[in-house]
PDB file of N, CA and C in Angstrom:
ATOM      1  N   UNK A   1       9.629 -12.480  -5.030  1.00  0.00           N
ATOM      2  CA  UNK A   1       9.355 -11.380  -4.112  1.00  0.00           C
ATOM      3  C   UNK A   1       8.000 -10.775  -4.491  1.00  0.00           C
ATOM      4  N   UNK A   2       7.171 -10.604  -3.501  1.00  0.00           N
ATOM      5  CA  UNK A   2       5.863  -9.990  -3.706  1.00  0.00           C
ATOM      6  C   UNK A   2       6.015  -8.477  -3.868  1.00  0.00           C
ATOM      7  N   UNK A   3       5.066  -7.846  -4.554  1.00  0.00           N
ATOM      8  CA  UNK A   3       5.128  -6.405  -4.816  1.00  0.00           C
ATOM      9  C   UNK A   3       5.234  -5.609  -3.516  1.00  0.00           C
ATOM     10  N   UNK A   4       4.437  -5.954  -2.544  1.00  0.00           N
ATOM     11  CA  UNK A   4       4.460  -5.231  -1.259  1.00  0.00           C
ATOM     12  C   UNK A   4       5.857  -5.304  -0.612  1.00  0.00           C
ATOM     13  N   UNK A   5       6.475  -6.482  -0.671  1.00  0.00           N
ATOM     14  CA  UNK A   5       7.820  -6.659  -0.111  1.00  0.00           C
ATOM     15  C   UNK A   5       8.850  -5.836  -0.882  1.00  0.00           C
ATOM     16  N   UNK A   6       8.714  -5.826  -2.194  1.00  0.00           N
ATOM     17  CA  UNK A   6       9.619  -5.038  -3.034  1.00  0.00           C
ATOM     18  C   UNK A   6       9.515  -3.550  -2.698  1.00  0.00           C
ATOM     19  N   UNK A   7       8.307  -3.069  -2.547  1.00  0.00           N
ATOM     20  CA  UNK A   7       8.092  -1.645  -2.234  1.00  0.00           C
ATOM     21  C   UNK A   7       8.701  -1.311  -0.878  1.00  0.00           C
ATOM     22  N   UNK A   8       8.503  -2.159   0.107  1.00  0.00           N
ATOM     23  CA  UNK A   8       9.082  -1.910   1.439  1.00  0.00           C
ATOM     24  C   UNK A   8      10.610  -1.903   1.391  1.00  0.00           C
ATOM     25  N   UNK A   9      11.182  -2.863   0.691  1.00  0.00           N
ATOM     26  CA  UNK A   9      12.645  -2.937   0.553  1.00  0.00           C
ATOM     27  C   UNK A   9      13.163  -1.679  -0.144  1.00  0.00           C
ATOM     28  N   UNK A  10      12.486  -1.277  -1.227  1.00  0.00           N
ATOM     29  CA  UNK A  10      12.863  -0.064  -1.962  1.00  0.00           C
ATOM     30  C   UNK A  10      12.809   1.153  -1.037  1.00  0.00           C
ATOM     31  N   UNK A  11      11.725   1.323  -0.317  1.00  0.00           N
ATOM     32  CA  UNK A  11      11.583   2.493   0.568  1.00  0.00           C
ATOM     33  C   UNK A  11      12.668   2.531   1.632  1.00  0.00           C
ATOM     34  N   UNK A  12      13.033   1.389   2.150  1.00  0.00           N
ATOM     35  CA  UNK A  12      14.096   1.315   3.145  1.00  0.00           C
ATOM     36  C   UNK A  12      15.424   1.762   2.542  1.00  0.00           C
ATOM     37  N   UNK A  13      15.724   1.250   1.349  1.00  0.00           N
ATOM     38  CA  UNK A  13      16.992   1.587   0.696  1.00  0.00           C
ATOM     39  C   UNK A  13      17.037   3.040   0.230  1.00  0.00           C
ATOM     40  N   UNK A  14      15.925   3.524  -0.307  1.00  0.00           N
ATOM     41  CA  UNK A  14      15.889   4.876  -0.876  1.00  0.00           C
ATOM     42  C   UNK A  14      15.620   5.955   0.167  1.00  0.00           C
ATOM     43  N   UNK A  15      15.026   5.571   1.280  1.00  0.00           N
ATOM     44  CA  UNK A  15      14.653   6.566   2.281  1.00  0.00           C
ATOM     45  C   UNK A  15      13.362   7.275   1.917  1.00  0.00           C
ATOM     46  N   UNK A  16      12.623   6.737   0.987  1.00  0.00           N
ATOM     47  CA  UNK A  16      11.370   7.326   0.521  1.00  0.00           C
ATOM     48  C   UNK A  16      11.165   7.007  -0.946  1.00  0.00           C
ATOM     49  N   UNK A  17      10.136   7.587  -1.510  1.00  0.00           N
ATOM     50  CA  UNK A  17       9.833   7.349  -2.918  1.00  0.00           C
ATOM     51  C   UNK A  17      10.552   8.356  -3.819  1.00  0.00           C
ATOM     52  N   UNK A  18      10.690   7.974  -5.101  1.00  0.00           N
ATOM     53  CA  UNK A  18      11.200   8.897  -6.108  1.00  0.00           C
ATOM     54  C   UNK A  18      12.710   8.994  -6.222  1.00  0.00           C
ATOM     55  N   UNK A  19      13.431   8.149  -5.510  1.00  0.00           N
ATOM     56  CA  UNK A  19      14.898   8.184  -5.563  1.00  0.00           C
ATOM     57  C   UNK A  19      15.416   6.913  -6.224  1.00  0.00           C
ATOM     58  N   UNK A  20      16.442   7.045  -7.067  1.00  0.00           N
ATOM     59  CA  UNK A  20      17.004   5.894  -7.773  1.00  0.00           C
ATOM     60  C   UNK A  20      17.793   4.997  -6.827  1.00  0.00           C
ATOM     61  N   UNK A  21      17.530   3.699  -6.915  1.00  0.00           N
ATOM     62  CA  UNK A  21      18.197   2.682  -6.102  1.00  0.00           C
ATOM     63  C   UNK A  21      18.797   1.652  -7.062  1.00  0.00           C
ATOM     64  N   UNK A  22      20.032   1.226  -6.826  1.00  0.00           N
ATOM     65  CA  UNK A  22      20.611   0.182  -7.679  1.00  0.00           C
ATOM     66  C   UNK A  22      19.809  -1.115  -7.572  1.00  0.00           C
ATOM     67  N   UNK A  23      19.528  -1.723  -8.701  1.00  0.00           N
ATOM     68  CA  UNK A  23      18.803  -2.988  -8.699  1.00  0.00           C
ATOM     69  C   UNK A  23      19.537  -4.048  -7.894  1.00  0.00           C
ATOM     70  N   UNK A  24      20.863  -4.026  -7.944  1.00  0.00           N
ATOM     71  CA  UNK A  24      21.641  -5.036  -7.222  1.00  0.00           C
ATOM     72  C   UNK A  24      21.468  -4.932  -5.709  1.00  0.00           C
ATOM     73  N   UNK A  25      21.057  -3.781  -5.201  1.00  0.00           N
ATOM     74  CA  UNK A  25      20.906  -3.613  -3.754  1.00  0.00           C
ATOM     75  C   UNK A  25      19.635  -4.254  -3.209  1.00  0.00           C
ATOM     76  N   UNK A  26      18.767  -4.736  -4.092  1.00  0.00           N
ATOM     77  CA  UNK A  26      17.512  -5.339  -3.653  1.00  0.00           C
ATOM     78  C   UNK A  26      17.688  -6.756  -3.120  1.00  0.00           C
ATOM     79  N   UNK A  27      18.878  -7.324  -3.283  1.00  0.00           N
ATOM     80  CA  UNK A  27      19.186  -8.616  -2.696  1.00  0.00           C
ATOM     81  C   UNK A  27      18.708  -9.822  -3.486  1.00  0.00           C
ATOM     82  N   UNK A  28      18.371  -9.638  -4.748  1.00  0.00           N
ATOM     83  CA  UNK A  28      17.963 -10.745  -5.605  1.00  0.00           C
ATOM     84  C   UNK A  28      19.116 -11.122  -6.524  1.00  0.00           C
ATOM     85  N   UNK A  29      19.146 -12.368  -6.981  1.00  0.00           N
ATOM     86  CA  UNK A  29      20.182 -12.713  -7.948  1.00  0.00           C
ATOM     87  C   UNK A  29      19.791 -12.164  -9.326  1.00  0.00           C
ATOM     88  N   UNK A  30      20.688 -12.254 -10.272  1.00  0.00           N
ATOM     89  CA  UNK A  30      20.460 -11.669 -11.597  1.00  0.00           C
ATOM     90  C   UNK A  30      19.175 -12.196 -12.232  1.00  0.00           C
ATOM     91  N   UNK A  31      19.005 -13.515 -12.229  1.00  0.00           N
ATOM     92  CA  UNK A  31      17.830 -14.114 -12.874  1.00  0.00           C
ATOM     93  C   UNK A  31      16.534 -13.632 -12.227  1.00  0.00           C
ATOM     94  N   UNK A  32      16.495 -13.603 -10.906  1.00  0.00           N
ATOM     95  CA  UNK A  32      15.302 -13.150 -10.182  1.00  0.00           C
ATOM     96  C   UNK A  32      15.015 -11.679 -10.482  1.00  0.00           C
ATOM     97  N   UNK A  33      16.056 -10.860 -10.487  1.00  0.00           N
ATOM     98  CA  UNK A  33      15.902  -9.430 -10.758  1.00  0.00           C
ATOM     99  C   UNK A  33      15.349  -9.207 -12.155  1.00  0.00           C
ATOM    100  N   UNK A  34      15.945  -9.861 -13.133  1.00  0.00           N
ATOM    101  CA  UNK A  34      15.510  -9.678 -14.513  1.00  0.00           C
ATOM    102  C   UNK A  34      14.087 -10.192 -14.728  1.00  0.00           C
ATOM    103  N   UNK A  35      13.763 -11.327 -14.134  1.00  0.00           N
ATOM    104  CA  UNK A  35      12.416 -11.898 -14.280  1.00  0.00           C
ATOM    105  C   UNK A  35      11.377 -11.005 -13.594  1.00  0.00           C
ATOM    106  N   UNK A  36      11.652 -10.586 -12.362  1.00  0.00           N
ATOM    107  CA  UNK A  36      10.713  -9.756 -11.607  1.00  0.00           C
ATOM    108  C   UNK A  36      10.446  -8.436 -12.313  1.00  0.00           C
ATOM    109  N   UNK A  37      11.498  -7.720 -12.680  1.00  0.00           N
ATOM    110  CA  UNK A  37      11.285  -6.401 -13.274  1.00  0.00           C
ATOM    111  C   UNK A  37      10.758  -6.479 -14.698  1.00  0.00           C
ATOM    112  N   UNK A  38      11.075  -7.549 -15.421  1.00  0.00           N
ATOM    113  CA  UNK A  38      10.478  -7.736 -16.753  1.00  0.00           C
ATOM    114  C   UNK A  38       8.974  -7.938 -16.613  1.00  0.00           C
ATOM    115  N   UNK A  39       8.578  -8.723 -15.630  1.00  0.00           N
ATOM    116  CA  UNK A  39       7.162  -8.964 -15.379  1.00  0.00           C
ATOM    117  C   UNK A  39       6.441  -7.677 -14.963  1.00  0.00           C
ATOM    118  N   UNK A  40       7.031  -6.935 -14.055  1.00  0.00           N
ATOM    119  CA  UNK A  40       6.424  -5.671 -13.609  1.00  0.00           C
ATOM    120  C   UNK A  40       6.357  -4.660 -14.745  1.00  0.00           C
ATOM    121  N   UNK A  41       7.376  -4.661 -15.606  1.00  0.00           N
ATOM    122  CA  UNK A  41       7.431  -3.734 -16.736  1.00  0.00           C
ATOM    123  C   UNK A  41       6.320  -4.011 -17.743  1.00  0.00           C
ATOM    124  N   UNK A  42       5.846  -5.246 -17.800  1.00  0.00           N
ATOM    125  CA  UNK A  42       4.801  -5.624 -18.751  1.00  0.00           C
ATOM    126  C   UNK A  42       3.395  -5.341 -18.227  1.00  0.00           C
ATOM    127  N   UNK A  43       3.264  -5.020 -16.964  1.00  0.00           N
ATOM    128  CA  UNK A  43       1.963  -4.755 -16.360  1.00  0.00           C
ATOM    129  C   UNK A  43       1.738  -3.241 -16.289  1.00  0.00           C
ATOM    130  N   UNK A  44       0.885  -2.724 -17.176  1.00  0.00           N
ATOM    131  CA  UNK A  44       0.675  -1.277 -17.269  1.00  0.00           C
ATOM    132  C   UNK A  44       0.266  -0.658 -15.937  1.00  0.00           C
ATOM    133  N   UNK A  45      -0.591  -1.332 -15.204  1.00  0.00           N
ATOM    134  CA  UNK A  45      -1.110  -0.757 -13.964  1.00  0.00           C
ATOM    135  C   UNK A  45      -0.028  -0.609 -12.898  1.00  0.00           C
ATOM    136  N   UNK A  46       1.051  -1.350 -13.044  1.00  0.00           N
ATOM    137  CA  UNK A  46       2.166  -1.264 -12.101  1.00  0.00           C
ATOM    138  C   UNK A  46       3.341  -0.501 -12.709  1.00  0.00           C
ATOM    139  N   UNK A  47       3.655  -0.785 -13.965  1.00  0.00           N
ATOM    140  CA  UNK A  47       4.863  -0.226 -14.586  1.00  0.00           C
ATOM    141  C   UNK A  47       4.866   1.299 -14.656  1.00  0.00           C
ATOM    142  N   UNK A  48       3.716   1.907 -14.686  1.00  0.00           N
ATOM    143  CA  UNK A  48       3.694   3.378 -14.775  1.00  0.00           C
ATOM    144  C   UNK A  48       4.267   4.054 -13.530  1.00  0.00           C
ATOM    145  N   UNK A  49       4.409   3.308 -12.437  1.00  0.00           N
ATOM    146  CA  UNK A  49       4.982   3.851 -11.211  1.00  0.00           C
ATOM    147  C   UNK A  49       6.470   3.541 -11.057  1.00  0.00           C
ATOM    148  N   UNK A  50       6.982   2.676 -11.941  1.00  0.00           N
ATOM    149  CA  UNK A  50       8.386   2.263 -11.905  1.00  0.00           C
ATOM    150  C   UNK A  50       9.162   2.991 -12.989  1.00  0.00           C
ATOM    151  N   UNK A  51      10.336   3.494 -12.648  1.00  0.00           N
ATOM    152  CA  UNK A  51      11.185   4.186 -13.615  1.00  0.00           C
ATOM    153  C   UNK A  51      12.559   3.534 -13.585  1.00  0.00           C
ATOM    154  N   UNK A  52      12.841   2.771 -14.624  1.00  0.00           N
ATOM    155  CA  UNK A  52      14.120   2.086 -14.745  1.00  0.00           C
ATOM    156  C   UNK A  52      15.100   2.974 -15.488  1.00  0.00           C
ATOM    157  N   UNK A  53      16.366   2.923 -15.091  1.00  0.00           N
ATOM    158  CA  UNK A  53      17.395   3.735 -15.739  1.00  0.00           C
ATOM    159  C   UNK A  53      18.714   2.975 -15.751  1.00  0.00           C
ATOM    160  N   UNK A  54      19.620   3.439 -16.573  1.00  0.00           N
ATOM    161  CA  UNK A  54      20.962   2.851 -16.664  1.00  0.00           C
ATOM    162  C   UNK A  54      21.957   3.944 -16.338  1.00  0.00           C
ATOM    163  N   UNK A  55      22.648   3.796 -15.230  1.00  0.00           N
ATOM    164  CA  UNK A  55      23.651   4.767 -14.833  1.00  0.00           C
ATOM    165  C   UNK A  55      25.035   4.205 -15.128  1.00  0.00           C
ATOM    166  N   UNK A  56      25.898   5.037 -15.605  1.00  0.00           N
ATOM    167  CA  UNK A  56      27.243   4.636 -15.990  1.00  0.00           C
ATOM    168  C   UNK A  56      27.997   4.008 -14.823  1.00  0.00           C
ATOM    169  N   UNK A  57      28.685   2.899 -15.103  1.00  0.00           N
ATOM    170  CA  UNK A  57      29.514   2.252 -14.106  1.00  0.00           C
ATOM    171  C   UNK A  57      28.782   1.319 -13.162  1.00  0.00           C
ATOM    172  N   UNK A  58      27.460   1.258 -13.257  1.00  0.00           N
ATOM    173  CA  UNK A  58      26.673   0.404 -12.359  1.00  0.00           C
ATOM    174  C   UNK A  58      26.379  -0.937 -13.032  1.00  0.00           C
ATOM    175  N   UNK A  59      26.149  -1.958 -12.247  1.00  0.00           N
ATOM    176  CA  UNK A  59      25.799  -3.275 -12.761  1.00  0.00           C
ATOM    177  C   UNK A  59      24.464  -3.199 -13.477  1.00  0.00           C
ATOM    178  N   UNK A  60      24.462  -3.636 -14.738  1.00  0.00           N
ATOM    179  CA  UNK A  60      23.235  -3.577 -15.541  1.00  0.00           C
ATOM    180  C   UNK A  60      22.559  -4.934 -15.602  1.00  0.00           C
ATOM    181  N   UNK A  61      21.245  -4.904 -15.628  1.00  0.00           N
ATOM    182  CA  UNK A  61      20.394  -6.080 -15.769  1.00  0.00           C
ATOM    183  C   UNK A  61      19.578  -5.902 -17.034  1.00  0.00           C
ATOM    184  N   UNK A  62      19.261  -6.995 -17.711  1.00  0.00           N
ATOM    185  CA  UNK A  62      18.465  -6.923 -18.934  1.00  0.00           C
ATOM    186  C   UNK A  62      16.994  -7.084 -18.579  1.00  0.00           C
ATOM    187  N   UNK A  63      16.264  -5.996 -18.738  1.00  0.00           N
ATOM    188  CA  UNK A  63      14.837  -5.974 -18.448  1.00  0.00           C
ATOM    189  C   UNK A  63      14.109  -5.812 -19.775  1.00  0.00           C
ATOM    190  N   UNK A  64      13.419  -6.852 -20.190  1.00  0.00           N
ATOM    191  CA  UNK A  64      12.713  -6.863 -21.475  1.00  0.00           C
ATOM    192  C   UNK A  64      13.605  -6.399 -22.622  1.00  0.00           C
ATOM    193  N   UNK A  65      14.846  -6.865 -22.616  1.00  0.00           N
ATOM    194  CA  UNK A  65      15.769  -6.599 -23.710  1.00  0.00           C
ATOM    195  C   UNK A  65      16.583  -5.318 -23.595  1.00  0.00           C
ATOM    196  N   UNK A  66      16.390  -4.549 -22.548  1.00  0.00           N
ATOM    197  CA  UNK A  66      17.106  -3.289 -22.380  1.00  0.00           C
ATOM    198  C   UNK A  66      17.920  -3.297 -21.085  1.00  0.00           C
ATOM    199  N   UNK A  67      19.106  -2.683 -21.103  1.00  0.00           N
ATOM    200  CA  UNK A  67      19.937  -2.648 -19.892  1.00  0.00           C
ATOM    201  C   UNK A  67      19.463  -1.572 -18.907  1.00  0.00           C
ATOM    202  N   UNK A  68      19.317  -1.979 -17.656  1.00  0.00           N
ATOM    203  CA  UNK A  68      18.927  -1.052 -16.589  1.00  0.00           C
ATOM    204  C   UNK A  68      19.734  -1.393 -15.345  1.00  0.00           C
ATOM    205  N   UNK A  69      20.073  -0.377 -14.579  1.00  0.00           N
ATOM    206  CA  UNK A  69      20.842  -0.593 -13.358  1.00  0.00           C
ATOM    207  C   UNK A  69      20.141  -0.065 -12.109  1.00  0.00           C
ATOM    208  N   UNK A  70      19.180   0.836 -12.288  1.00  0.00           N
ATOM    209  CA  UNK A  70      18.525   1.484 -11.153  1.00  0.00           C
ATOM    210  C   UNK A  70      17.012   1.527 -11.356  1.00  0.00           C
ATOM    211  N   UNK A  71      16.315   1.658 -10.257  1.00  0.00           N
ATOM    212  CA  UNK A  71      14.868   1.841 -10.294  1.00  0.00           C
ATOM    213  C   UNK A  71      14.489   2.941  -9.316  1.00  0.00           C
ATOM    214  N   UNK A  72      13.526   3.746  -9.709  1.00  0.00           N
ATOM    215  CA  UNK A  72      12.878   4.665  -8.776  1.00  0.00           C
ATOM    216  C   UNK A  72      11.383   4.368  -8.864  1.00  0.00           C
ATOM    217  N   UNK A  73      10.707   4.539  -7.766  1.00  0.00           N
ATOM    218  CA  UNK A  73       9.288   4.195  -7.703  1.00  0.00           C
ATOM    219  C   UNK A  73       8.509   5.399  -7.181  1.00  0.00           C
ATOM    220  N   UNK A  74       7.384   5.681  -7.853  1.00  0.00           N
ATOM    221  CA  UNK A  74       6.525   6.776  -7.437  1.00  0.00           C
ATOM    222  C   UNK A  74       5.670   6.377  -6.232  1.00  0.00           C
ATOM    223  N   UNK A  75       5.398   7.323  -5.369  1.00  0.00           N
ATOM    224  CA  UNK A  75       4.602   7.070  -4.162  1.00  0.00           C
ATOM    225  C   UNK A  75       3.192   6.566  -4.502  1.00  0.00           C
ATOM    226  N   UNK A  76       2.691   6.910  -5.665  1.00  0.00           N
ATOM    227  CA  UNK A  76       1.345   6.503  -6.063  1.00  0.00           C
ATOM    228  C   UNK A  76       1.185   4.981  -6.200  1.00  0.00           C
ATOM    229  N   UNK A  77       2.305   4.245  -6.221  1.00  0.00           N
ATOM    230  CA  UNK A  77       2.239   2.790  -6.278  1.00  0.00           C
ATOM    231  C   UNK A  77       1.439   2.245  -5.102  1.00  0.00           C
ATOM    232  N   UNK A  78       1.395   2.985  -4.024  1.00  0.00           N
ATOM    233  CA  UNK A  78       0.678   2.544  -2.822  1.00  0.00           C
ATOM    234  C   UNK A  78      -0.811   2.337  -3.080  1.00  0.00           C
ATOM    235  N   UNK A  79      -1.341   2.987  -4.110  1.00  0.00           N
ATOM    236  CA  UNK A  79      -2.772   2.823  -4.436  1.00  0.00           C
ATOM    237  C   UNK A  79      -3.062   1.439  -5.002  1.00  0.00           C
ATOM    238  N   UNK A  80      -2.033   0.717  -5.445  1.00  0.00           N
ATOM    239  CA  UNK A  80      -2.246  -0.614  -6.020  1.00  0.00           C
ATOM    240  C   UNK A  80      -2.036  -1.725  -4.990  1.00  0.00           C
ATOM    241  N   UNK A  81      -1.555  -1.377  -3.805  1.00  0.00           N
ATOM    242  CA  UNK A  81      -1.243  -2.415  -2.807  1.00  0.00           C
ATOM    243  C   UNK A  81      -2.458  -2.843  -2.022  1.00  0.00           C
TER     244      UNK A  81
END
């Protein structure tokens, strides 16, 4: 999934920026989710706009060795698109 597509999907699910969305709702399988977000997490210019969290009871994914279930994205990510 390209960054632009991910941002559009996130905005649709969240109804805007800054709201936590379950990673599982993005429609990717576990391997794709973990690979994509691990890659984004390693890129400083992109990762500073992404906020990963682990909420109780939600499906967790391993992103760079840490469990996360949700993502919120800052509106400023649009400056990188």
